[in-house]
Protein backbone atom coordinates (compact mmCIF):
# COMPACT_ATOMS: atom_id res chain seq x y z
CA UNK A 1 0.00 0.00 0.00
CA UNK A 2 1.20 3.54 -0.66
CA UNK A 3 0.58 6.57 1.49
CA UNK A 4 -1.02 9.60 -0.17
CA UNK A 5 -0.47 8.19 -3.63
CA UNK A 6 3.29 8.52 -3.31
CA UNK A 7 5.62 6.53 -5.52
CA UNK A 8 6.51 3.92 -2.95
CA UNK A 9 7.73 6.26 -0.23
CA UNK A 10 6.39 5.57 3.23
CA UNK A 11 5.23 2.10 2.25
CA UNK A 12 2.99 0.40 4.73
CA UNK A 13 2.57 -3.35 4.98
CA UNK A 14 -0.74 -5.15 4.81
CA UNK A 15 -0.92 -5.05 8.61
CA UNK A 16 -0.86 -1.24 8.54
CA UNK A 17 2.71 -0.96 9.90
CA UNK A 18 5.69 0.65 8.20
CA UNK A 19 7.72 -2.00 6.41
CA UNK A 20 10.97 -0.60 7.83
CA UNK A 21 11.77 0.98 4.48
CA UNK A 22 12.23 4.52 5.75
CA UNK A 23 14.49 3.41 8.60
CA UNK A 24 16.57 1.37 6.15
CA UNK A 25 16.88 4.39 3.86
CA UNK A 26 18.09 6.57 6.74
CA UNK A 27 20.59 3.98 7.97
CA UNK A 28 21.96 3.25 4.49
CA UNK A 29 22.31 6.94 3.64
CA UNK A 30 23.99 7.67 6.97
CA UNK A 31 26.37 4.71 6.76
CA UNK A 32 27.41 5.78 3.25
CA UNK A 33 28.75 9.01 4.69
CA UNK A 34 31.54 7.05 6.43
CA UNK A 35 33.35 5.86 3.29
CA UNK A 36 32.57 9.12 1.52
CA UNK A 37 34.21 11.31 4.15
CA UNK A 38 37.07 8.98 5.01
CA UNK A 39 37.81 8.26 1.34
CA UNK A 40 37.76 11.96 0.48
CA UNK A 41 40.03 12.84 3.40
CA UNK A 42 42.45 10.05 2.50
CA UNK A 43 42.59 11.13 -1.15
CA UNK A 44 43.36 14.71 -0.16
CA UNK A 45 45.51 14.37 2.95
CA UNK A 46 46.92 10.90 2.39
CA UNK A 47 47.93 8.52 5.16
CA UNK A 48 48.20 11.36 7.69
CA UNK A 49 44.44 10.81 8.19
CA UNK A 50 45.12 7.43 9.79
CA UNK A 51 44.52 7.50 13.54
CA UNK A 52 47.52 6.73 15.69
CA UNK A 53 49.95 6.72 12.76
CA UNK A 54 52.44 9.55 12.45
CA UNK A 55 54.73 7.72 10.06
CA UNK A 56 55.44 8.92 6.57
CA UNK A 57 54.96 6.48 3.72
CA UNK A 58 57.31 6.14 0.81
CA UNK A 59 55.97 7.84 -2.36
CA UNK A 60 54.80 4.58 -3.95
CA UNK A 61 52.88 3.49 -0.84
CA UNK A 62 51.39 6.99 -0.45
CA UNK A 63 50.29 6.91 -4.09
CA UNK A 64 48.72 3.47 -3.66
CA UNK A 65 46.97 4.55 -0.45
CA UNK A 66 45.40 7.57 -2.14
CA UNK A 67 44.46 5.52 -5.21
CA UNK A 68 42.77 2.80 -3.11
CA UNK A 69 40.92 5.50 -1.19
CA UNK A 70 39.06 6.47 -4.35
CA UNK A 71 37.29 3.12 -4.31
CA UNK A 72 36.24 3.64 -0.70
CA UNK A 73 35.03 7.11 -1.67
CA UNK A 74 33.08 5.63 -4.63
CA UNK A 75 31.13 3.24 -2.39
CA UNK A 76 29.03 6.11 -1.02
CA UNK A 77 27.37 7.31 -4.25
CA UNK A 78 26.54 3.71 -5.14
CA UNK A 79 24.81 3.22 -1.78
CA UNK A 80 23.11 6.61 -2.06
CA UNK A 81 21.79 5.63 -5.49
CA UNK A 82 19.91 2.74 -3.86
CA UNK A 83 18.17 4.89 -1.25
CA UNK A 84 15.20 6.35 -3.19
CA UNK A 85 13.87 2.92 -4.20
CA UNK A 86 15.83 0.75 -1.79
CA UNK A 87 13.17 -1.96 -1.83
CA UNK A 88 14.00 -2.59 -5.52
CA UNK A 89 17.78 -2.20 -5.29
CA UNK A 90 18.77 -5.56 -3.81
CA UNK A 91 21.31 -6.55 -6.48
CA UNK A 92 23.12 -3.20 -6.40
CA UNK A 93 23.15 -3.03 -2.60
CA UNK A 94 24.34 -6.64 -2.32
CA UNK A 95 27.16 -5.94 -4.79
CA UNK A 96 28.48 -2.87 -2.99
CA UNK A 97 28.06 -4.46 0.46
CA UNK A 98 29.91 -7.51 -0.87
CA UNK A 99 32.84 -5.34 -1.89
CA UNK A 100 32.89 -3.69 1.54
CA UNK A 101 32.70 -7.15 3.17
CA UNK A 102 35.73 -8.26 1.13
CA UNK A 103 37.54 -5.16 2.38
CA UNK A 104 36.80 -6.31 5.92
CA UNK A 105 38.30 -9.71 5.13
CA UNK A 106 41.40 -7.96 3.78
CA UNK A 107 41.66 -6.05 7.07
CA UNK A 108 41.55 -9.38 8.93
CA UNK A 109 44.43 -10.66 6.78
CA UNK A 110 46.40 -7.53 7.66
CA UNK A 111 45.59 -8.00 11.36
CA UNK A 112 46.87 -11.56 11.23
CA UNK A 113 50.09 -10.60 9.43
CA UNK A 114 50.97 -7.32 11.15
CA UNK A 115 49.06 -7.24 14.43
CA UNK A 116 45.95 -5.48 15.67
CA UNK A 117 44.98 -2.18 14.06
CA UNK A 118 43.92 1.00 15.81
CA UNK A 119 40.61 0.48 17.72
CA UNK A 120 38.81 2.64 15.15
CA UNK A 121 39.66 0.06 12.51
CA UNK A 122 38.57 -2.81 14.74
CA UNK A 123 35.17 -1.09 14.68
CA UNK A 124 35.44 -0.75 10.90
CA UNK A 125 36.07 -4.50 10.62
CA UNK A 126 32.94 -5.18 12.66
CA UNK A 127 30.90 -2.83 10.49
CA UNK A 128 32.25 -4.41 7.31
CA UNK A 129 31.89 -8.04 8.36
CA UNK A 130 28.72 -7.85 10.47
CA UNK A 131 27.01 -4.60 9.49
CA UNK A 132 27.07 -5.15 5.73
CA UNK A 133 25.42 -8.60 5.87
CA UNK A 134 22.84 -7.17 8.26
CA UNK A 135 22.12 -4.30 5.84
CA UNK A 136 21.69 -6.79 2.98
CA UNK A 137 19.35 -8.95 5.07
CA UNK A 138 17.33 -5.90 6.11
CA UNK A 139 16.97 -4.80 2.50
CA UNK A 140 15.76 -8.28 1.53
CA UNK A 141 13.17 -8.15 4.30
CA UNK A 142 11.95 -4.72 3.17
CA UNK A 143 11.87 -5.93 -0.42
CA UNK A 144 9.78 -8.94 0.58
CA UNK A 145 7.32 -6.77 2.50
CA UNK A 146 6.96 -4.34 -0.41
CA UNK A 147 5.49 -6.97 -2.72
C-alpha atoms as a PDB file:
ATOM      1  CA  UNK A   1       0.000   0.000   0.000  1.00  0.00           C
ATOM      2  CA  UNK A   2       1.195   3.539  -0.660  1.00  0.00           C
ATOM      3  CA  UNK A   3       0.580   6.566   1.488  1.00  0.00           C
ATOM      4  CA  UNK A   4      -1.023   9.602  -0.174  1.00  0.00           C
ATOM      5  CA  UNK A   5      -0.474   8.188  -3.633  1.00  0.00           C
ATOM      6  CA  UNK A   6       3.294   8.521  -3.309  1.00  0.00           C
ATOM      7  CA  UNK A   7       5.620   6.525  -5.523  1.00  0.00           C
ATOM      8  CA  UNK A   8       6.514   3.921  -2.953  1.00  0.00           C
ATOM      9  CA  UNK A   9       7.729   6.261  -0.233  1.00  0.00           C
ATOM     10  CA  UNK A  10       6.394   5.572   3.231  1.00  0.00           C
ATOM     11  CA  UNK A  11       5.231   2.095   2.246  1.00  0.00           C
ATOM     12  CA  UNK A  12       2.989   0.399   4.726  1.00  0.00           C
ATOM     13  CA  UNK A  13       2.574  -3.349   4.979  1.00  0.00           C
ATOM     14  CA  UNK A  14      -0.736  -5.149   4.811  1.00  0.00           C
ATOM     15  CA  UNK A  15      -0.915  -5.053   8.607  1.00  0.00           C
ATOM     16  CA  UNK A  16      -0.855  -1.238   8.545  1.00  0.00           C
ATOM     17  CA  UNK A  17       2.705  -0.958   9.904  1.00  0.00           C
ATOM     18  CA  UNK A  18       5.686   0.651   8.205  1.00  0.00           C
ATOM     19  CA  UNK A  19       7.722  -2.001   6.414  1.00  0.00           C
ATOM     20  CA  UNK A  20      10.969  -0.598   7.830  1.00  0.00           C
ATOM     21  CA  UNK A  21      11.771   0.976   4.483  1.00  0.00           C
ATOM     22  CA  UNK A  22      12.227   4.522   5.755  1.00  0.00           C
ATOM     23  CA  UNK A  23      14.487   3.414   8.599  1.00  0.00           C
ATOM     24  CA  UNK A  24      16.569   1.375   6.149  1.00  0.00           C
ATOM     25  CA  UNK A  25      16.878   4.388   3.861  1.00  0.00           C
ATOM     26  CA  UNK A  26      18.092   6.570   6.744  1.00  0.00           C
ATOM     27  CA  UNK A  27      20.587   3.978   7.975  1.00  0.00           C
ATOM     28  CA  UNK A  28      21.962   3.253   4.494  1.00  0.00           C
ATOM     29  CA  UNK A  29      22.305   6.944   3.641  1.00  0.00           C
ATOM     30  CA  UNK A  30      23.992   7.670   6.969  1.00  0.00           C
ATOM     31  CA  UNK A  31      26.374   4.709   6.764  1.00  0.00           C
ATOM     32  CA  UNK A  32      27.408   5.776   3.253  1.00  0.00           C
ATOM     33  CA  UNK A  33      28.751   9.008   4.690  1.00  0.00           C
ATOM     34  CA  UNK A  34      31.535   7.053   6.431  1.00  0.00           C
ATOM     35  CA  UNK A  35      33.353   5.860   3.295  1.00  0.00           C
ATOM     36  CA  UNK A  36      32.571   9.116   1.515  1.00  0.00           C
ATOM     37  CA  UNK A  37      34.210  11.305   4.146  1.00  0.00           C
ATOM     38  CA  UNK A  38      37.070   8.976   5.011  1.00  0.00           C
ATOM     39  CA  UNK A  39      37.814   8.262   1.345  1.00  0.00           C
ATOM     40  CA  UNK A  40      37.757  11.960   0.477  1.00  0.00           C
ATOM     41  CA  UNK A  41      40.029  12.836   3.405  1.00  0.00           C
ATOM     42  CA  UNK A  42      42.447  10.050   2.502  1.00  0.00           C
ATOM     43  CA  UNK A  43      42.588  11.130  -1.154  1.00  0.00           C
ATOM     44  CA  UNK A  44      43.357  14.715  -0.164  1.00  0.00           C
ATOM     45  CA  UNK A  45      45.511  14.370   2.951  1.00  0.00           C
ATOM     46  CA  UNK A  46      46.919  10.896   2.394  1.00  0.00           C
ATOM     47  CA  UNK A  47      47.925   8.523   5.162  1.00  0.00           C
ATOM     48  CA  UNK A  48      48.204  11.359   7.686  1.00  0.00           C
ATOM     49  CA  UNK A  49      44.443  10.806   8.188  1.00  0.00           C
ATOM     50  CA  UNK A  50      45.117   7.433   9.786  1.00  0.00           C
ATOM     51  CA  UNK A  51      44.517   7.503  13.543  1.00  0.00           C
ATOM     52  CA  UNK A  52      47.520   6.727  15.689  1.00  0.00           C
ATOM     53  CA  UNK A  53      49.945   6.723  12.761  1.00  0.00           C
ATOM     54  CA  UNK A  54      52.440   9.547  12.450  1.00  0.00           C
ATOM     55  CA  UNK A  55      54.729   7.717  10.060  1.00  0.00           C
ATOM     56  CA  UNK A  56      55.436   8.918   6.570  1.00  0.00           C
ATOM     57  CA  UNK A  57      54.964   6.477   3.715  1.00  0.00           C
ATOM     58  CA  UNK A  58      57.313   6.136   0.806  1.00  0.00           C
ATOM     59  CA  UNK A  59      55.968   7.844  -2.355  1.00  0.00           C
ATOM     60  CA  UNK A  60      54.797   4.576  -3.948  1.00  0.00           C
ATOM     61  CA  UNK A  61      52.880   3.493  -0.839  1.00  0.00           C
ATOM     62  CA  UNK A  62      51.391   6.987  -0.447  1.00  0.00           C
ATOM     63  CA  UNK A  63      50.290   6.914  -4.087  1.00  0.00           C
ATOM     64  CA  UNK A  64      48.717   3.474  -3.661  1.00  0.00           C
ATOM     65  CA  UNK A  65      46.969   4.553  -0.448  1.00  0.00           C
ATOM     66  CA  UNK A  66      45.401   7.571  -2.143  1.00  0.00           C
ATOM     67  CA  UNK A  67      44.455   5.517  -5.209  1.00  0.00           C
ATOM     68  CA  UNK A  68      42.766   2.803  -3.107  1.00  0.00           C
ATOM     69  CA  UNK A  69      40.915   5.500  -1.186  1.00  0.00           C
ATOM     70  CA  UNK A  70      39.058   6.474  -4.353  1.00  0.00           C
ATOM     71  CA  UNK A  71      37.292   3.120  -4.310  1.00  0.00           C
ATOM     72  CA  UNK A  72      36.237   3.636  -0.704  1.00  0.00           C
ATOM     73  CA  UNK A  73      35.030   7.105  -1.666  1.00  0.00           C
ATOM     74  CA  UNK A  74      33.078   5.635  -4.628  1.00  0.00           C
ATOM     75  CA  UNK A  75      31.129   3.244  -2.393  1.00  0.00           C
ATOM     76  CA  UNK A  76      29.028   6.108  -1.023  1.00  0.00           C
ATOM     77  CA  UNK A  77      27.374   7.310  -4.248  1.00  0.00           C
ATOM     78  CA  UNK A  78      26.543   3.714  -5.138  1.00  0.00           C
ATOM     79  CA  UNK A  79      24.805   3.222  -1.780  1.00  0.00           C
ATOM     80  CA  UNK A  80      23.112   6.607  -2.056  1.00  0.00           C
ATOM     81  CA  UNK A  81      21.794   5.630  -5.490  1.00  0.00           C
ATOM     82  CA  UNK A  82      19.910   2.738  -3.859  1.00  0.00           C
ATOM     83  CA  UNK A  83      18.175   4.888  -1.252  1.00  0.00           C
ATOM     84  CA  UNK A  84      15.203   6.352  -3.187  1.00  0.00           C
ATOM     85  CA  UNK A  85      13.875   2.917  -4.202  1.00  0.00           C
ATOM     86  CA  UNK A  86      15.825   0.748  -1.789  1.00  0.00           C
ATOM     87  CA  UNK A  87      13.168  -1.961  -1.828  1.00  0.00           C
ATOM     88  CA  UNK A  88      13.999  -2.589  -5.516  1.00  0.00           C
ATOM     89  CA  UNK A  89      17.781  -2.201  -5.288  1.00  0.00           C
ATOM     90  CA  UNK A  90      18.772  -5.560  -3.813  1.00  0.00           C
ATOM     91  CA  UNK A  91      21.314  -6.547  -6.482  1.00  0.00           C
ATOM     92  CA  UNK A  92      23.117  -3.200  -6.402  1.00  0.00           C
ATOM     93  CA  UNK A  93      23.154  -3.030  -2.603  1.00  0.00           C
ATOM     94  CA  UNK A  94      24.343  -6.640  -2.324  1.00  0.00           C
ATOM     95  CA  UNK A  95      27.162  -5.940  -4.790  1.00  0.00           C
ATOM     96  CA  UNK A  96      28.477  -2.875  -2.990  1.00  0.00           C
ATOM     97  CA  UNK A  97      28.063  -4.458   0.457  1.00  0.00           C
ATOM     98  CA  UNK A  98      29.909  -7.514  -0.865  1.00  0.00           C
ATOM     99  CA  UNK A  99      32.836  -5.341  -1.894  1.00  0.00           C
ATOM    100  CA  UNK A 100      32.894  -3.694   1.543  1.00  0.00           C
ATOM    101  CA  UNK A 101      32.699  -7.146   3.166  1.00  0.00           C
ATOM    102  CA  UNK A 102      35.731  -8.257   1.132  1.00  0.00           C
ATOM    103  CA  UNK A 103      37.542  -5.159   2.381  1.00  0.00           C
ATOM    104  CA  UNK A 104      36.799  -6.307   5.924  1.00  0.00           C
ATOM    105  CA  UNK A 105      38.297  -9.711   5.130  1.00  0.00           C
ATOM    106  CA  UNK A 106      41.404  -7.955   3.780  1.00  0.00           C
ATOM    107  CA  UNK A 107      41.659  -6.054   7.069  1.00  0.00           C
ATOM    108  CA  UNK A 108      41.553  -9.383   8.929  1.00  0.00           C
ATOM    109  CA  UNK A 109      44.426 -10.663   6.778  1.00  0.00           C
ATOM    110  CA  UNK A 110      46.396  -7.525   7.665  1.00  0.00           C
ATOM    111  CA  UNK A 111      45.589  -7.995  11.358  1.00  0.00           C
ATOM    112  CA  UNK A 112      46.866 -11.560  11.226  1.00  0.00           C
ATOM    113  CA  UNK A 113      50.087 -10.597   9.426  1.00  0.00           C
ATOM    114  CA  UNK A 114      50.967  -7.320  11.147  1.00  0.00           C
ATOM    115  CA  UNK A 115      49.056  -7.241  14.429  1.00  0.00           C
ATOM    116  CA  UNK A 116      45.946  -5.476  15.666  1.00  0.00           C
ATOM    117  CA  UNK A 117      44.980  -2.177  14.061  1.00  0.00           C
ATOM    118  CA  UNK A 118      43.919   1.000  15.811  1.00  0.00           C
ATOM    119  CA  UNK A 119      40.612   0.478  17.722  1.00  0.00           C
ATOM    120  CA  UNK A 120      38.813   2.644  15.154  1.00  0.00           C
ATOM    121  CA  UNK A 121      39.659   0.056  12.512  1.00  0.00           C
ATOM    122  CA  UNK A 122      38.570  -2.814  14.738  1.00  0.00           C
ATOM    123  CA  UNK A 123      35.172  -1.091  14.681  1.00  0.00           C
ATOM    124  CA  UNK A 124      35.443  -0.754  10.898  1.00  0.00           C
ATOM    125  CA  UNK A 125      36.067  -4.500  10.616  1.00  0.00           C
ATOM    126  CA  UNK A 126      32.936  -5.184  12.657  1.00  0.00           C
ATOM    127  CA  UNK A 127      30.897  -2.832  10.487  1.00  0.00           C
ATOM    128  CA  UNK A 128      32.246  -4.409   7.311  1.00  0.00           C
ATOM    129  CA  UNK A 129      31.890  -8.044   8.365  1.00  0.00           C
ATOM    130  CA  UNK A 130      28.723  -7.845  10.468  1.00  0.00           C
ATOM    131  CA  UNK A 131      27.010  -4.599   9.492  1.00  0.00           C
ATOM    132  CA  UNK A 132      27.069  -5.149   5.728  1.00  0.00           C
ATOM    133  CA  UNK A 133      25.423  -8.600   5.865  1.00  0.00           C
ATOM    134  CA  UNK A 134      22.837  -7.169   8.263  1.00  0.00           C
ATOM    135  CA  UNK A 135      22.124  -4.304   5.839  1.00  0.00           C
ATOM    136  CA  UNK A 136      21.686  -6.787   2.985  1.00  0.00           C
ATOM    137  CA  UNK A 137      19.348  -8.955   5.074  1.00  0.00           C
ATOM    138  CA  UNK A 138      17.326  -5.895   6.113  1.00  0.00           C
ATOM    139  CA  UNK A 139      16.974  -4.795   2.502  1.00  0.00           C
ATOM    140  CA  UNK A 140      15.761  -8.279   1.526  1.00  0.00           C
ATOM    141  CA  UNK A 141      13.169  -8.149   4.301  1.00  0.00           C
ATOM    142  CA  UNK A 142      11.950  -4.717   3.174  1.00  0.00           C
ATOM    143  CA  UNK A 143      11.871  -5.934  -0.420  1.00  0.00           C
ATOM    144  CA  UNK A 144       9.778  -8.936   0.575  1.00  0.00           C
ATOM    145  CA  UNK A 145       7.322  -6.765   2.497  1.00  0.00           C
ATOM    146  CA  UNK A 146       6.959  -4.345  -0.412  1.00  0.00           C
ATOM    147  CA  UNK A 147       5.490  -6.967  -2.721  1.00  0.00           C
END
